[in-house]
Amino acid sequence: METHRLVLTEDLNQYGFLFGGRLLSWADEAGYIAASQDFPEARFVTIGMGKVEFLQSVKNGAIIRICASLQMKGTTSASYRIDIYSGKEPERGAIFSTDISYVNVGEDGVKKPLS
């Protein structure tokens, strides 16, 4: 699954670059959307995120590309690789990458097997 975001003024930190918390939120959202498309019957909640390291700063007005791909499916959970790129030059490499895990829960909040 691939999506894009436009970095706006309200997404910036006090130094004029993309706020890391905003990027984490977008990564989690993209992973959740991918998981929900792959397992439409599931009710996913985020249970963990891998290494968090911001490799490049991102300026106001940049268009970022967020790619989410299934890495592992377990009995009750699924993990997604999230790679985020800035601009139209993917050869520059990802500005951020991590793995995010989601678990399927019932209405009572208890883990439930994936179909």
C-alpha atoms as a PDB file:
ATOM      1  CA  MET A   1       0.000   0.000   0.000  1.00  0.00           C
ATOM      2  CA  GLU A   2       1.309   3.426  -0.874  1.00  0.00           C
ATOM      3  CA  THR A   3       0.067   6.852   0.151  1.00  0.00           C
ATOM      4  CA  HIS A   4       1.366  10.413   0.123  1.00  0.00           C
ATOM      5  CA  ARG A   5       1.327  13.387   2.484  1.00  0.00           C
ATOM      6  CA  LEU A   6       1.995  17.068   1.960  1.00  0.00           C
ATOM      7  CA  VAL A   7       4.075  18.579   4.778  1.00  0.00           C
ATOM      8  CA  LEU A   8       2.299  21.743   5.930  1.00  0.00           C
ATOM      9  CA  THR A   9       3.231  24.482   8.381  1.00  0.00           C
ATOM     10  CA  GLU A  10       1.217  22.847  11.177  1.00  0.00           C
ATOM     11  CA  ASP A  11       3.355  19.686  10.763  1.00  0.00           C
ATOM     12  CA  LEU A  12       6.616  21.490  11.595  1.00  0.00           C
ATOM     13  CA  ASN A  13       8.650  21.604  14.792  1.00  0.00           C
ATOM     14  CA  GLN A  14      10.133  24.719  16.381  1.00  0.00           C
ATOM     15  CA  TYR A  15      13.089  24.617  13.935  1.00  0.00           C
ATOM     16  CA  GLY A  16      10.960  24.545  10.785  1.00  0.00           C
ATOM     17  CA  PHE A  17      11.298  20.844   9.964  1.00  0.00           C
ATOM     18  CA  LEU A  18       8.758  18.026  10.036  1.00  0.00           C
ATOM     19  CA  PHE A  19       7.899  17.121  13.643  1.00  0.00           C
ATOM     20  CA  GLY A  20       8.942  13.535  14.375  1.00  0.00           C
ATOM     21  CA  GLY A  21       5.726  12.755  16.224  1.00  0.00           C
ATOM     22  CA  ARG A  22       3.691  13.698  13.167  1.00  0.00           C
ATOM     23  CA  LEU A  23       5.775  11.344  10.996  1.00  0.00           C
ATOM     24  CA  LEU A  24       5.263   8.517  13.508  1.00  0.00           C
ATOM     25  CA  SER A  25       1.527   9.123  13.431  1.00  0.00           C
ATOM     26  CA  TRP A  26       1.468   8.986   9.628  1.00  0.00           C
ATOM     27  CA  ALA A  27       3.536   5.773   9.642  1.00  0.00           C
ATOM     28  CA  ASP A  28       1.141   4.135  12.124  1.00  0.00           C
ATOM     29  CA  GLU A  29      -1.886   5.280  10.151  1.00  0.00           C
ATOM     30  CA  ALA A  30      -0.486   3.912   6.865  1.00  0.00           C
ATOM     31  CA  GLY A  31       0.308   0.574   8.496  1.00  0.00           C
ATOM     32  CA  TYR A  32      -3.173   0.377   9.981  1.00  0.00           C
ATOM     33  CA  ILE A  33      -4.778   1.118   6.604  1.00  0.00           C
ATOM     34  CA  ALA A  34      -2.667  -1.568   4.910  1.00  0.00           C
ATOM     35  CA  ALA A  35      -3.536  -4.100   7.639  1.00  0.00           C
ATOM     36  CA  SER A  36      -7.228  -3.237   7.410  1.00  0.00           C
ATOM     37  CA  GLN A  37      -7.169  -3.751   3.648  1.00  0.00           C
ATOM     38  CA  ASP A  38      -5.346  -7.079   3.948  1.00  0.00           C
ATOM     39  CA  PHE A  39      -7.578  -8.323   6.802  1.00  0.00           C
ATOM     40  CA  PRO A  40     -10.910  -6.480   6.450  1.00  0.00           C
ATOM     41  CA  GLU A  41     -12.626  -8.542   9.164  1.00  0.00           C
ATOM     42  CA  ALA A  42     -10.006  -7.643  11.804  1.00  0.00           C
ATOM     43  CA  ARG A  43     -10.126  -4.971  14.512  1.00  0.00           C
ATOM     44  CA  PHE A  44      -6.483  -3.979  14.773  1.00  0.00           C
ATOM     45  CA  VAL A  45      -4.731  -2.017  17.485  1.00  0.00           C
ATOM     46  CA  THR A  46      -1.065  -1.055  17.432  1.00  0.00           C
ATOM     47  CA  ILE A  47       1.045  -3.129  19.823  1.00  0.00           C
ATOM     48  CA  GLY A  48       4.605  -2.202  18.913  1.00  0.00           C
ATOM     49  CA  MET A  49       6.995  -0.295  16.729  1.00  0.00           C
ATOM     50  CA  GLY A  50      10.561  -1.197  15.830  1.00  0.00           C
ATOM     51  CA  LYS A  51      13.585   1.064  15.804  1.00  0.00           C
ATOM     52  CA  VAL A  52      12.758   4.749  15.415  1.00  0.00           C
ATOM     53  CA  GLU A  53      15.466   6.784  13.684  1.00  0.00           C
ATOM     54  CA  PHE A  54      14.926   9.874  11.564  1.00  0.00           C
ATOM     55  CA  LEU A  55      17.548   9.806   8.810  1.00  0.00           C
ATOM     56  CA  GLN A  56      16.893  13.141   7.077  1.00  0.00           C
ATOM     57  CA  SER A  57      15.065  16.346   7.859  1.00  0.00           C
ATOM     58  CA  VAL A  58      11.970  17.257   5.851  1.00  0.00           C
ATOM     59  CA  LYS A  59      11.041  20.814   4.943  1.00  0.00           C
ATOM     60  CA  ASN A  60       7.722  22.577   4.641  1.00  0.00           C
ATOM     61  CA  GLY A  61       5.995  21.846   1.322  1.00  0.00           C
ATOM     62  CA  ALA A  62       7.665  18.479   0.773  1.00  0.00           C
ATOM     63  CA  ILE A  63       5.571  15.613  -0.506  1.00  0.00           C
ATOM     64  CA  ILE A  64       6.406  12.395   1.265  1.00  0.00           C
ATOM     65  CA  ARG A  65       5.628   8.881   0.064  1.00  0.00           C
ATOM     66  CA  ILE A  66       4.676   6.262   2.662  1.00  0.00           C
ATOM     67  CA  CYS A  67       4.932   2.580   1.708  1.00  0.00           C
ATOM     68  CA  ALA A  68       3.523  -0.204   3.902  1.00  0.00           C
ATOM     69  CA  SER A  69       4.066  -3.892   3.184  1.00  0.00           C
ATOM     70  CA  LEU A  70       3.087  -7.024   5.100  1.00  0.00           C
ATOM     71  CA  GLN A  71       6.130  -8.649   6.711  1.00  0.00           C
ATOM     72  CA  MET A  72       4.619 -11.300   8.971  1.00  0.00           C
ATOM     73  CA  LYS A  73       1.204 -12.767   9.745  1.00  0.00           C
ATOM     74  CA  GLY A  74       0.774 -14.573  13.036  1.00  0.00           C
ATOM     75  CA  THR A  75      -2.215 -16.189  14.714  1.00  0.00           C
ATOM     76  CA  THR A  76      -3.589 -12.931  16.126  1.00  0.00           C
ATOM     77  CA  SER A  77      -1.238 -10.299  14.742  1.00  0.00           C
ATOM     78  CA  ALA A  78       0.421  -8.896  11.638  1.00  0.00           C
ATOM     79  CA  SER A  79       3.572  -6.808  11.183  1.00  0.00           C
ATOM     80  CA  TYR A  80       4.150  -4.238   8.469  1.00  0.00           C
ATOM     81  CA  ARG A  81       7.315  -2.648   7.137  1.00  0.00           C
ATOM     82  CA  ILE A  82       6.928   1.105   6.770  1.00  0.00           C
ATOM     83  CA  ASP A  83       9.316   3.007   4.488  1.00  0.00           C
ATOM     84  CA  ILE A  84       8.961   6.761   4.044  1.00  0.00           C
ATOM     85  CA  TYR A  85      10.595   8.771   1.265  1.00  0.00           C
ATOM     86  CA  SER A  86      10.778  12.517   0.670  1.00  0.00           C
ATOM     87  CA  GLY A  87      10.533  14.077  -2.756  1.00  0.00           C
ATOM     88  CA  LYS A  88      10.745  12.422  -6.123  1.00  0.00           C
ATOM     89  CA  GLU A  89      14.150  10.826  -5.582  1.00  0.00           C
ATOM     90  CA  PRO A  90      13.706   7.383  -3.973  1.00  0.00           C
ATOM     91  CA  GLU A  91      17.323   6.571  -4.831  1.00  0.00           C
ATOM     92  CA  ARG A  92      18.276   8.913  -1.977  1.00  0.00           C
ATOM     93  CA  GLY A  93      16.858   6.268   0.313  1.00  0.00           C
ATOM     94  CA  ALA A  94      14.199   6.280   2.957  1.00  0.00           C
ATOM     95  CA  ILE A  95      14.076   9.140   5.422  1.00  0.00           C
ATOM     96  CA  PHE A  96      12.447   6.775   7.915  1.00  0.00           C
ATOM     97  CA  SER A  97      11.827   3.019   8.151  1.00  0.00           C
ATOM     98  CA  THR A  98      10.370   0.849  10.880  1.00  0.00           C
ATOM     99  CA  ASP A  99       8.248  -2.214  11.525  1.00  0.00           C
ATOM    100  CA  ILE A 100       4.870  -1.828  13.199  1.00  0.00           C
ATOM    101  CA  SER A 101       2.875  -4.685  14.720  1.00  0.00           C
ATOM    102  CA  TYR A 102      -0.894  -4.799  15.054  1.00  0.00           C
ATOM    103  CA  VAL A 103      -3.012  -7.279  17.001  1.00  0.00           C
ATOM    104  CA  ASN A 104      -6.585  -8.245  16.223  1.00  0.00           C
ATOM    105  CA  VAL A 105      -8.937  -7.774  19.190  1.00  0.00           C
ATOM    106  CA  GLY A 106     -12.575  -8.480  19.823  1.00  0.00           C
ATOM    107  CA  GLU A 107     -15.042  -5.920  21.135  1.00  0.00           C
ATOM    108  CA  ASP A 108     -13.919  -6.886  24.653  1.00  0.00           C
ATOM    109  CA  GLY A 109     -10.312  -5.911  23.828  1.00  0.00           C
ATOM    110  CA  VAL A 110      -9.036  -9.500  24.048  1.00  0.00           C
ATOM    111  CA  LYS A 111      -6.775 -10.916  21.316  1.00  0.00           C
ATOM    112  CA  LYS A 112      -8.672 -12.753  18.611  1.00  0.00           C
ATOM    113  CA  PRO A 113      -7.344 -15.026  15.828  1.00  0.00           C
ATOM    114  CA  LEU A 114      -7.124 -13.597  12.335  1.00  0.00           C
ATOM    115  CA  SER A 115      -9.365 -15.296   9.771  1.00  0.00           C
END
